[in-house]
PDB file of N, CA and C in Angstrom:
ATOM      1  N   UNK A   1     -15.557  18.784  17.427  1.00  0.00           N
ATOM      2  CA  UNK A   1     -15.905  18.006  16.274  1.00  0.00           C
ATOM      3  C   UNK A   1     -15.740  18.812  14.984  1.00  0.00           C
ATOM      4  N   UNK A   2     -15.512  20.120  15.108  1.00  0.00           N
ATOM      5  CA  UNK A   2     -15.275  20.932  13.913  1.00  0.00           C
ATOM      6  C   UNK A   2     -14.054  20.464  13.154  1.00  0.00           C
ATOM      7  N   UNK A   3     -13.006  20.054  13.882  1.00  0.00           N
ATOM      8  CA  UNK A   3     -11.790  19.618  13.183  1.00  0.00           C
ATOM      9  C   UNK A   3     -12.055  18.345  12.388  1.00  0.00           C
ATOM     10  N   UNK A   4     -12.980  17.506  12.849  1.00  0.00           N
ATOM     11  CA  UNK A   4     -13.331  16.303  12.087  1.00  0.00           C
ATOM     12  C   UNK A   4     -14.064  16.684  10.804  1.00  0.00           C
ATOM     13  N   UNK A   5     -14.937  17.672  10.889  1.00  0.00           N
ATOM     14  CA  UNK A   5     -15.632  18.151   9.691  1.00  0.00           C
ATOM     15  C   UNK A   5     -14.645  18.741   8.694  1.00  0.00           C
ATOM     16  N   UNK A   6     -13.686  19.527   9.203  1.00  0.00           N
ATOM     17  CA  UNK A   6     -12.683  20.134   8.334  1.00  0.00           C
ATOM     18  C   UNK A   6     -11.815  19.077   7.653  1.00  0.00           C
ATOM     19  N   UNK A   7     -11.561  17.959   8.344  1.00  0.00           N
ATOM     20  CA  UNK A   7     -10.754  16.876   7.779  1.00  0.00           C
ATOM     21  C   UNK A   7     -11.589  15.951   6.897  1.00  0.00           C
ATOM     22  N   UNK A   8     -12.858  16.287   6.693  1.00  0.00           N
ATOM     23  CA  UNK A   8     -13.780  15.509   5.860  1.00  0.00           C
ATOM     24  C   UNK A   8     -14.037  14.100   6.411  1.00  0.00           C
ATOM     25  N   UNK A   9     -13.992  13.963   7.751  1.00  0.00           N
ATOM     26  CA  UNK A   9     -14.357  12.695   8.378  1.00  0.00           C
ATOM     27  C   UNK A   9     -15.846  12.460   8.132  1.00  0.00           C
ATOM     28  N   UNK A  10     -16.232  11.200   8.070  1.00  0.00           N
ATOM     29  CA  UNK A  10     -17.608  10.847   7.714  1.00  0.00           C
ATOM     30  C   UNK A  10     -18.284  10.063   8.835  1.00  0.00           C
ATOM     31  N   UNK A  11     -19.595  10.226   8.920  1.00  0.00           N
ATOM     32  CA  UNK A  11     -20.436   9.465   9.853  1.00  0.00           C
ATOM     33  C   UNK A  11     -19.920   9.541  11.296  1.00  0.00           C
ATOM     34  N   UNK A  12     -19.626  10.739  11.741  1.00  0.00           N
ATOM     35  CA  UNK A  12     -19.100  10.948  13.081  1.00  0.00           C
ATOM     36  C   UNK A  12     -20.221  10.904  14.112  1.00  0.00           C
ATOM     37  N   UNK A  13     -19.988  10.122  15.162  1.00  0.00           N
ATOM     38  CA  UNK A  13     -20.940  10.074  16.266  1.00  0.00           C
ATOM     39  C   UNK A  13     -20.185  10.206  17.581  1.00  0.00           C
ATOM     40  N   UNK A  14     -20.857  10.739  18.572  1.00  0.00           N
ATOM     41  CA  UNK A  14     -20.319  10.860  19.916  1.00  0.00           C
ATOM     42  C   UNK A  14     -21.190  10.009  20.828  1.00  0.00           C
ATOM     43  N   UNK A  15     -20.542   9.233  21.678  1.00  0.00           N
ATOM     44  CA  UNK A  15     -21.258   8.334  22.579  1.00  0.00           C
ATOM     45  C   UNK A  15     -20.861   8.664  24.010  1.00  0.00           C
ATOM     46  N   UNK A  16     -21.829   8.924  24.851  1.00  0.00           N
ATOM     47  CA  UNK A  16     -21.572   9.160  26.271  1.00  0.00           C
ATOM     48  C   UNK A  16     -21.353   7.804  26.933  1.00  0.00           C
ATOM     49  N   UNK A  17     -20.125   7.567  27.398  1.00  0.00           N
ATOM     50  CA  UNK A  17     -19.816   6.289  28.049  1.00  0.00           C
ATOM     51  C   UNK A  17     -19.567   6.456  29.546  1.00  0.00           C
ATOM     52  N   UNK A  18     -19.820   7.660  30.048  1.00  0.00           N
ATOM     53  CA  UNK A  18     -19.642   7.868  31.479  1.00  0.00           C
ATOM     54  C   UNK A  18     -20.627   6.961  32.214  1.00  0.00           C
ATOM     55  N   UNK A  19     -20.157   6.300  33.226  1.00  0.00           N
ATOM     56  CA  UNK A  19     -20.987   5.366  33.967  1.00  0.00           C
ATOM     57  C   UNK A  19     -20.997   3.967  33.371  1.00  0.00           C
ATOM     58  N   UNK A  20     -20.573   3.828  32.115  1.00  0.00           N
ATOM     59  CA  UNK A  20     -20.506   2.522  31.469  1.00  0.00           C
ATOM     60  C   UNK A  20     -19.101   1.949  31.519  1.00  0.00           C
ATOM     61  N   UNK A  21     -18.101   2.839  31.634  1.00  0.00           N
ATOM     62  CA  UNK A  21     -16.720   2.404  31.593  1.00  0.00           C
ATOM     63  C   UNK A  21     -15.839   3.393  32.336  1.00  0.00           C
ATOM     64  N   UNK A  22     -14.737   2.899  32.824  1.00  0.00           N
ATOM     65  CA  UNK A  22     -13.781   3.783  33.500  1.00  0.00           C
ATOM     66  C   UNK A  22     -12.727   4.308  32.528  1.00  0.00           C
ATOM     67  N   UNK A  23     -12.803   3.937  31.246  1.00  0.00           N
ATOM     68  CA  UNK A  23     -11.783   4.362  30.283  1.00  0.00           C
ATOM     69  C   UNK A  23     -11.957   5.813  29.846  1.00  0.00           C
ATOM     70  N   UNK A  24     -13.129   6.377  30.050  1.00  0.00           N
ATOM     71  CA  UNK A  24     -13.356   7.756  29.648  1.00  0.00           C
ATOM     72  C   UNK A  24     -14.808   8.129  29.822  1.00  0.00           C
ATOM     73  N   UNK A  25     -15.122   9.354  29.430  1.00  0.00           N
ATOM     74  CA  UNK A  25     -16.492   9.849  29.526  1.00  0.00           C
ATOM     75  C   UNK A  25     -17.215   9.854  28.177  1.00  0.00           C
ATOM     76  N   UNK A  26     -16.436  10.034  27.113  1.00  0.00           N
ATOM     77  CA  UNK A  26     -17.028  10.079  25.776  1.00  0.00           C
ATOM     78  C   UNK A  26     -16.188   9.284  24.796  1.00  0.00           C
ATOM     79  N   UNK A  27     -16.863   8.729  23.816  1.00  0.00           N
ATOM     80  CA  UNK A  27     -16.208   8.026  22.736  1.00  0.00           C
ATOM     81  C   UNK A  27     -16.693   8.658  21.436  1.00  0.00           C
ATOM     82  N   UNK A  28     -15.764   8.987  20.579  1.00  0.00           N
ATOM     83  CA  UNK A  28     -16.103   9.511  19.265  1.00  0.00           C
ATOM     84  C   UNK A  28     -15.705   8.456  18.247  1.00  0.00           C
ATOM     85  N   UNK A  29     -16.629   8.144  17.346  1.00  0.00           N
ATOM     86  CA  UNK A  29     -16.383   7.161  16.290  1.00  0.00           C
ATOM     87  C   UNK A  29     -16.622   7.869  14.961  1.00  0.00           C
ATOM     88  N   UNK A  30     -15.640   7.743  14.060  1.00  0.00           N
ATOM     89  CA  UNK A  30     -15.756   8.396  12.763  1.00  0.00           C
ATOM     90  C   UNK A  30     -15.050   7.555  11.710  1.00  0.00           C
ATOM     91  N   UNK A  31     -15.214   7.930  10.456  1.00  0.00           N
ATOM     92  CA  UNK A  31     -14.619   7.165   9.358  1.00  0.00           C
ATOM     93  C   UNK A  31     -13.892   8.072   8.380  1.00  0.00           C
ATOM     94  N   UNK A  32     -12.878   7.484   7.755  1.00  0.00           N
ATOM     95  CA  UNK A  32     -12.194   8.086   6.623  1.00  0.00           C
ATOM     96  C   UNK A  32     -12.396   7.170   5.431  1.00  0.00           C
ATOM     97  N   UNK A  33     -12.275   7.707   4.231  1.00  0.00           N
ATOM     98  CA  UNK A  33     -12.582   6.935   3.028  1.00  0.00           C
ATOM     99  C   UNK A  33     -11.522   5.896   2.675  1.00  0.00           C
ATOM    100  N   UNK A  34     -10.287   6.092   3.134  1.00  0.00           N
ATOM    101  CA  UNK A  34      -9.186   5.196   2.781  1.00  0.00           C
ATOM    102  C   UNK A  34      -8.159   5.207   3.910  1.00  0.00           C
ATOM    103  N   UNK A  35      -7.154   4.334   3.807  1.00  0.00           N
ATOM    104  CA  UNK A  35      -6.089   4.317   4.810  1.00  0.00           C
ATOM    105  C   UNK A  35      -5.431   5.692   4.912  1.00  0.00           C
ATOM    106  N   UNK A  36      -5.164   6.259   3.761  1.00  0.00           N
ATOM    107  CA  UNK A  36      -4.516   7.573   3.722  1.00  0.00           C
ATOM    108  C   UNK A  36      -5.388   8.642   4.364  1.00  0.00           C
ATOM    109  N   UNK A  37      -6.696   8.597   4.116  1.00  0.00           N
ATOM    110  CA  UNK A  37      -7.616   9.571   4.694  1.00  0.00           C
ATOM    111  C   UNK A  37      -7.709   9.395   6.208  1.00  0.00           C
ATOM    112  N   UNK A  38      -7.764   8.147   6.674  1.00  0.00           N
ATOM    113  CA  UNK A  38      -7.791   7.878   8.123  1.00  0.00           C
ATOM    114  C   UNK A  38      -6.552   8.488   8.783  1.00  0.00           C
ATOM    115  N   UNK A  39      -5.391   8.265   8.208  1.00  0.00           N
ATOM    116  CA  UNK A  39      -4.152   8.816   8.761  1.00  0.00           C
ATOM    117  C   UNK A  39      -4.152  10.342   8.740  1.00  0.00           C
ATOM    118  N   UNK A  40      -4.675  10.927   7.671  1.00  0.00           N
ATOM    119  CA  UNK A  40      -4.740  12.389   7.578  1.00  0.00           C
ATOM    120  C   UNK A  40      -5.681  12.975   8.623  1.00  0.00           C
ATOM    121  N   UNK A  41      -6.806  12.311   8.859  1.00  0.00           N
ATOM    122  CA  UNK A  41      -7.741  12.757   9.899  1.00  0.00           C
ATOM    123  C   UNK A  41      -7.022  12.760  11.253  1.00  0.00           C
ATOM    124  N   UNK A  42      -6.286  11.698  11.523  1.00  0.00           N
ATOM    125  CA  UNK A  42      -5.572  11.592  12.801  1.00  0.00           C
ATOM    126  C   UNK A  42      -4.486  12.650  12.920  1.00  0.00           C
ATOM    127  N   UNK A  43      -3.772  12.909  11.846  1.00  0.00           N
ATOM    128  CA  UNK A  43      -2.751  13.963  11.866  1.00  0.00           C
ATOM    129  C   UNK A  43      -3.384  15.304  12.224  1.00  0.00           C
ATOM    130  N   UNK A  44      -4.535  15.592  11.617  1.00  0.00           N
ATOM    131  CA  UNK A  44      -5.240  16.844  11.894  1.00  0.00           C
ATOM    132  C   UNK A  44      -5.709  16.895  13.346  1.00  0.00           C
ATOM    133  N   UNK A  45      -6.243  15.780  13.844  1.00  0.00           N
ATOM    134  CA  UNK A  45      -6.690  15.727  15.244  1.00  0.00           C
ATOM    135  C   UNK A  45      -5.530  15.982  16.211  1.00  0.00           C
ATOM    136  N   UNK A  46      -4.407  15.342  15.965  1.00  0.00           N
ATOM    137  CA  UNK A  46      -3.237  15.520  16.835  1.00  0.00           C
ATOM    138  C   UNK A  46      -2.819  16.987  16.845  1.00  0.00           C
ATOM    139  N   UNK A  47      -2.757  17.591  15.669  1.00  0.00           N
ATOM    140  CA  UNK A  47      -2.376  19.001  15.558  1.00  0.00           C
ATOM    141  C   UNK A  47      -3.354  19.893  16.335  1.00  0.00           C
ATOM    142  N   UNK A  48      -4.647  19.651  16.174  1.00  0.00           N
ATOM    143  CA  UNK A  48      -5.658  20.475  16.838  1.00  0.00           C
ATOM    144  C   UNK A  48      -5.675  20.254  18.353  1.00  0.00           C
ATOM    145  N   UNK A  49      -5.469  19.021  18.781  1.00  0.00           N
ATOM    146  CA  UNK A  49      -5.439  18.715  20.216  1.00  0.00           C
ATOM    147  C   UNK A  49      -4.254  19.419  20.870  1.00  0.00           C
ATOM    148  N   UNK A  50      -3.086  19.311  20.238  1.00  0.00           N
ATOM    149  CA  UNK A  50      -1.889  19.989  20.759  1.00  0.00           C
ATOM    150  C   UNK A  50      -2.071  21.501  20.722  1.00  0.00           C
ATOM    151  N   UNK A  51      -2.657  22.007  19.641  1.00  0.00           N
ATOM    152  CA  UNK A  51      -2.887  23.445  19.498  1.00  0.00           C
ATOM    153  C   UNK A  51      -3.823  24.011  20.538  1.00  0.00           C
ATOM    154  N   UNK A  52      -4.715  23.163  21.040  1.00  0.00           N
ATOM    155  CA  UNK A  52      -5.653  23.590  22.086  1.00  0.00           C
ATOM    156  C   UNK A  52      -5.025  23.509  23.477  1.00  0.00           C
ATOM    157  N   UNK A  53      -3.765  23.076  23.538  1.00  0.00           N
ATOM    158  CA  UNK A  53      -3.063  23.044  24.818  1.00  0.00           C
ATOM    159  C   UNK A  53      -3.167  21.738  25.573  1.00  0.00           C
ATOM    160  N   UNK A  54      -3.703  20.715  24.949  1.00  0.00           N
ATOM    161  CA  UNK A  54      -3.814  19.410  25.601  1.00  0.00           C
ATOM    162  C   UNK A  54      -2.586  18.563  25.296  1.00  0.00           C
ATOM    163  N   UNK A  55      -2.374  17.563  26.124  1.00  0.00           N
ATOM    164  CA  UNK A  55      -1.252  16.646  25.922  1.00  0.00           C
ATOM    165  C   UNK A  55      -1.472  15.829  24.650  1.00  0.00           C
ATOM    166  N   UNK A  56      -0.385  15.371  24.064  1.00  0.00           N
ATOM    167  CA  UNK A  56      -0.469  14.511  22.890  1.00  0.00           C
ATOM    168  C   UNK A  56      -1.181  13.218  23.262  1.00  0.00           C
ATOM    169  N   UNK A  57      -2.208  12.844  22.501  1.00  0.00           N
ATOM    170  CA  UNK A  57      -2.937  11.608  22.832  1.00  0.00           C
ATOM    171  C   UNK A  57      -2.078  10.375  22.582  1.00  0.00           C
ATOM    172  N   UNK A  58      -2.417   9.308  23.303  1.00  0.00           N
ATOM    173  CA  UNK A  58      -1.788   8.012  23.023  1.00  0.00           C
ATOM    174  C   UNK A  58      -2.498   7.441  21.796  1.00  0.00           C
ATOM    175  N   UNK A  59      -1.710   6.913  20.858  1.00  0.00           N
ATOM    176  CA  UNK A  59      -2.263   6.503  19.569  1.00  0.00           C
ATOM    177  C   UNK A  59      -1.847   5.080  19.242  1.00  0.00           C
ATOM    178  N   UNK A  60      -2.800   4.306  18.739  1.00  0.00           N
ATOM    179  CA  UNK A  60      -2.556   2.933  18.277  1.00  0.00           C
ATOM    180  C   UNK A  60      -3.085   2.812  16.855  1.00  0.00           C
ATOM    181  N   UNK A  61      -2.323   2.196  15.967  1.00  0.00           N
ATOM    182  CA  UNK A  61      -2.804   1.833  14.644  1.00  0.00           C
ATOM    183  C   UNK A  61      -2.676   2.857  13.540  1.00  0.00           C
ATOM    184  N   UNK A  62      -2.020   3.972  13.790  1.00  0.00           N
ATOM    185  CA  UNK A  62      -1.973   5.007  12.758  1.00  0.00           C
ATOM    186  C   UNK A  62      -1.166   4.588  11.541  1.00  0.00           C
ATOM    187  N   UNK A  63      -0.133   3.779  11.718  1.00  0.00           N
ATOM    188  CA  UNK A  63       0.676   3.363  10.568  1.00  0.00           C
ATOM    189  C   UNK A  63      -0.132   2.550   9.562  1.00  0.00           C
ATOM    190  N   UNK A  64      -1.013   1.678  10.041  1.00  0.00           N
ATOM    191  CA  UNK A  64      -1.814   0.850   9.126  1.00  0.00           C
ATOM    192  C   UNK A  64      -2.954   1.649   8.508  1.00  0.00           C
ATOM    193  N   UNK A  65      -3.570   2.538   9.296  1.00  0.00           N
ATOM    194  CA  UNK A  65      -4.638   3.371   8.774  1.00  0.00           C
ATOM    195  C   UNK A  65      -5.967   2.676   8.585  1.00  0.00           C
ATOM    196  N   UNK A  66      -6.134   1.486   9.175  1.00  0.00           N
ATOM    197  CA  UNK A  66      -7.429   0.800   9.095  1.00  0.00           C
ATOM    198  C   UNK A  66      -8.342   1.214  10.248  1.00  0.00           C
ATOM    199  N   UNK A  67      -7.769   1.214  11.458  1.00  0.00           N
ATOM    200  CA  UNK A  67      -8.493   1.561  12.671  1.00  0.00           C
ATOM    201  C   UNK A  67      -7.492   2.215  13.600  1.00  0.00           C
ATOM    202  N   UNK A  68      -7.691   3.482  13.864  1.00  0.00           N
ATOM    203  CA  UNK A  68      -6.794   4.213  14.748  1.00  0.00           C
ATOM    204  C   UNK A  68      -7.551   4.533  16.031  1.00  0.00           C
ATOM    205  N   UNK A  69      -6.919   4.220  17.138  1.00  0.00           N
ATOM    206  CA  UNK A  69      -7.462   4.507  18.459  1.00  0.00           C
ATOM    207  C   UNK A  69      -6.637   5.635  19.054  1.00  0.00           C
ATOM    208  N   UNK A  70      -7.311   6.703  19.456  1.00  0.00           N
ATOM    209  CA  UNK A  70      -6.649   7.839  20.088  1.00  0.00           C
ATOM    210  C   UNK A  70      -7.211   7.994  21.490  1.00  0.00           C
ATOM    211  N   UNK A  71      -6.338   7.857  22.477  1.00  0.00           N
ATOM    212  CA  UNK A  71      -6.740   7.998  23.872  1.00  0.00           C
ATOM    213  C   UNK A  71      -6.375   9.402  24.318  1.00  0.00           C
ATOM    214  N   UNK A  72      -7.379  10.223  24.486  1.00  0.00           N
ATOM    215  CA  UNK A  72      -7.173  11.621  24.875  1.00  0.00           C
ATOM    216  C   UNK A  72      -7.554  11.842  26.336  1.00  0.00           C
ATOM    217  N   UNK A  73      -7.522  10.797  27.127  1.00  0.00           N
ATOM    218  CA  UNK A  73      -7.911  10.910  28.530  1.00  0.00           C
ATOM    219  C   UNK A  73      -9.383  10.615  28.680  1.00  0.00           C
ATOM    220  N   UNK A  74     -10.182  11.643  28.883  1.00  0.00           N
ATOM    221  CA  UNK A  74     -11.624  11.459  29.071  1.00  0.00           C
ATOM    222  C   UNK A  74     -12.368  11.193  27.768  1.00  0.00           C
ATOM    223  N   UNK A  75     -11.681  11.396  26.659  1.00  0.00           N
ATOM    224  CA  UNK A  75     -12.300  11.172  25.342  1.00  0.00           C
ATOM    225  C   UNK A  75     -11.468  10.150  24.577  1.00  0.00           C
ATOM    226  N   UNK A  76     -12.147   9.124  24.080  1.00  0.00           N
ATOM    227  CA  UNK A  76     -11.527   8.096  23.258  1.00  0.00           C
ATOM    228  C   UNK A  76     -12.043   8.300  21.835  1.00  0.00           C
ATOM    229  N   UNK A  77     -11.126   8.351  20.872  1.00  0.00           N
ATOM    230  CA  UNK A  77     -11.520   8.578  19.482  1.00  0.00           C
ATOM    231  C   UNK A  77     -11.118   7.367  18.652  1.00  0.00           C
ATOM    232  N   UNK A  78     -12.062   6.842  17.879  1.00  0.00           N
ATOM    233  CA  UNK A  78     -11.808   5.745  16.942  1.00  0.00           C
ATOM    234  C   UNK A  78     -12.007   6.294  15.537  1.00  0.00           C
ATOM    235  N   UNK A  79     -10.998   6.123  14.684  1.00  0.00           N
ATOM    236  CA  UNK A  79     -11.110   6.532  13.282  1.00  0.00           C
ATOM    237  C   UNK A  79     -10.912   5.268  12.443  1.00  0.00           C
ATOM    238  N   UNK A  80     -11.926   4.928  11.663  1.00  0.00           N
ATOM    239  CA  UNK A  80     -11.947   3.679  10.904  1.00  0.00           C
ATOM    240  C   UNK A  80     -12.015   3.921   9.399  1.00  0.00           C
ATOM    241  N   UNK A  81     -11.576   2.919   8.639  1.00  0.00           N
ATOM    242  CA  UNK A  81     -12.020   2.801   7.256  1.00  0.00           C
ATOM    243  C   UNK A  81     -13.431   2.213   7.347  1.00  0.00           C
ATOM    244  N   UNK A  82     -14.328   2.526   6.427  1.00  0.00           N
ATOM    245  CA  UNK A  82     -15.718   2.080   6.543  1.00  0.00           C
ATOM    246  C   UNK A  82     -15.889   0.567   6.687  1.00  0.00           C
ATOM    247  N   UNK A  83     -15.114  -0.231   5.935  1.00  0.00           N
ATOM    248  CA  UNK A  83     -15.278  -1.689   6.003  1.00  0.00           C
ATOM    249  C   UNK A  83     -14.912  -2.222   7.394  1.00  0.00           C
ATOM    250  N   UNK A  84     -13.874  -1.654   7.976  1.00  0.00           N
ATOM    251  CA  UNK A  84     -13.424  -2.088   9.298  1.00  0.00           C
ATOM    252  C   UNK A  84     -14.446  -1.660  10.350  1.00  0.00           C
ATOM    253  N   UNK A  85     -14.973  -0.463  10.196  1.00  0.00           N
ATOM    254  CA  UNK A  85     -15.997   0.021  11.137  1.00  0.00           C
ATOM    255  C   UNK A  85     -17.235  -0.868  11.086  1.00  0.00           C
ATOM    256  N   UNK A  86     -17.661  -1.223   9.896  1.00  0.00           N
ATOM    257  CA  UNK A  86     -18.834  -2.098   9.759  1.00  0.00           C
ATOM    258  C   UNK A  86     -18.579  -3.464  10.396  1.00  0.00           C
ATOM    259  N   UNK A  87     -17.373  -3.980  10.221  1.00  0.00           N
ATOM    260  CA  UNK A  87     -17.039  -5.300  10.758  1.00  0.00           C
ATOM    261  C   UNK A  87     -17.088  -5.314  12.284  1.00  0.00           C
ATOM    262  N   UNK A  88     -16.454  -4.339  12.923  1.00  0.00           N
ATOM    263  CA  UNK A  88     -16.389  -4.332  14.392  1.00  0.00           C
ATOM    264  C   UNK A  88     -17.626  -3.740  15.046  1.00  0.00           C
ATOM    265  N   UNK A  89     -18.257  -2.783  14.405  1.00  0.00           N
ATOM    266  CA  UNK A  89     -19.517  -2.201  14.864  1.00  0.00           C
ATOM    267  C   UNK A  89     -19.498  -1.847  16.354  1.00  0.00           C
ATOM    268  N   UNK A  90     -18.452  -1.143  16.787  1.00  0.00           N
ATOM    269  CA  UNK A  90     -18.336  -0.837  18.216  1.00  0.00           C
ATOM    270  C   UNK A  90     -19.418   0.115  18.708  1.00  0.00           C
ATOM    271  N   UNK A  91     -19.999   0.910  17.819  1.00  0.00           N
ATOM    272  CA  UNK A  91     -21.080   1.798  18.248  1.00  0.00           C
ATOM    273  C   UNK A  91     -22.235   1.010  18.834  1.00  0.00           C
ATOM    274  N   UNK A  92     -22.553  -0.099  18.197  1.00  0.00           N
ATOM    275  CA  UNK A  92     -23.681  -0.909  18.660  1.00  0.00           C
ATOM    276  C   UNK A  92     -23.453  -1.379  20.092  1.00  0.00           C
ATOM    277  N   UNK A  93     -22.232  -1.804  20.373  1.00  0.00           N
ATOM    278  CA  UNK A  93     -21.925  -2.285  21.714  1.00  0.00           C
ATOM    279  C   UNK A  93     -22.027  -1.162  22.744  1.00  0.00           C
ATOM    280  N   UNK A  94     -21.458   0.002  22.440  1.00  0.00           N
ATOM    281  CA  UNK A  94     -21.417   1.084  23.408  1.00  0.00           C
ATOM    282  C   UNK A  94     -22.720   1.859  23.493  1.00  0.00           C
ATOM    283  N   UNK A  95     -23.527   1.808  22.451  1.00  0.00           N
ATOM    284  CA  UNK A  95     -24.791   2.545  22.473  1.00  0.00           C
ATOM    285  C   UNK A  95     -25.943   1.684  22.964  1.00  0.00           C
ATOM    286  N   UNK A  96     -25.685   0.399  23.221  1.00  0.00           N
ATOM    287  CA  UNK A  96     -26.746  -0.486  23.690  1.00  0.00           C
ATOM    288  C   UNK A  96     -27.315   0.051  24.989  1.00  0.00           C
ATOM    289  N   UNK A  97     -28.634   0.068  25.111  1.00  0.00           N
ATOM    290  CA  UNK A  97     -29.229   0.572  26.353  1.00  0.00           C
ATOM    291  C   UNK A  97     -28.879  -0.350  27.522  1.00  0.00           C
ATOM    292  N   UNK A  98     -28.672   0.278  28.658  1.00  0.00           N
ATOM    293  CA  UNK A  98     -28.404  -0.521  29.848  1.00  0.00           C
ATOM    294  C   UNK A  98     -29.701  -1.182  30.276  1.00  0.00           C
ATOM    295  N   UNK A  99     -29.588  -2.433  30.629  1.00  0.00           N
ATOM    296  CA  UNK A  99     -30.778  -3.159  31.054  1.00  0.00           C
ATOM    297  C   UNK A  99     -30.667  -3.477  32.532  1.00  0.00           C
ATOM    298  N   UNK A 100     -31.780  -3.438  33.199  1.00  0.00           N
ATOM    299  CA  UNK A 100     -31.816  -3.837  34.598  1.00  0.00           C
ATOM    300  C   UNK A 100     -32.024  -5.341  34.615  1.00  0.00           C
ATOM    301  N   UNK A 101     -31.027  -6.042  35.077  1.00  0.00           N
ATOM    302  CA  UNK A 101     -31.152  -7.489  35.138  1.00  0.00           C
ATOM    303  C   UNK A 101     -32.028  -7.860  36.339  1.00  0.00           C
ATOM    304  N   UNK A 102     -33.067  -8.576  36.060  1.00  0.00           N
ATOM    305  CA  UNK A 102     -33.987  -8.995  37.117  1.00  0.00           C
ATOM    306  C   UNK A 102     -34.064 -10.508  37.125  1.00  0.00           C
ATOM    307  N   UNK A 103     -34.029 -11.044  38.288  1.00  0.00           N
ATOM    308  CA  UNK A 103     -34.143 -12.492  38.432  1.00  0.00           C
ATOM    309  C   UNK A 103     -35.629 -12.811  38.585  1.00  0.00           C
ATOM    310  N   UNK A 104     -36.082 -13.697  37.718  1.00  0.00           N
ATOM    311  CA  UNK A 104     -37.484 -14.109  37.781  1.00  0.00           C
ATOM    312  C   UNK A 104     -37.536 -15.485  38.408  1.00  0.00           C
ATOM    313  N   UNK A 105     -38.331 -15.645  39.456  1.00  0.00           N
ATOM    314  CA  UNK A 105     -38.470 -16.944  40.143  1.00  0.00           C
ATOM    315  C   UNK A 105     -39.706 -17.652  39.685  1.00  0.00           C
TER     316      UNK A 105
END
């Protein structure tokens, strides 16, 4: 997460999704101030991921810069513009506590 701080990403959170989904173990959600900032954050992440010896992540949405999804295998990274992040509010969905469904007779 240091590279996100260096790229001036804002409101970064990490969500443990292991056991909730088969898509990965962790989800990172962060924001950039503008389309250009979102794209710059992603450029920095790609550089740092490759520099650490990992494969290039699969990326969706970087050209638009509103919401970029980076699939790094066990870690999924979402980089949003603030308005788009507020609209979709994916943290709320993934951070919701698991409930034990009980049938009441």
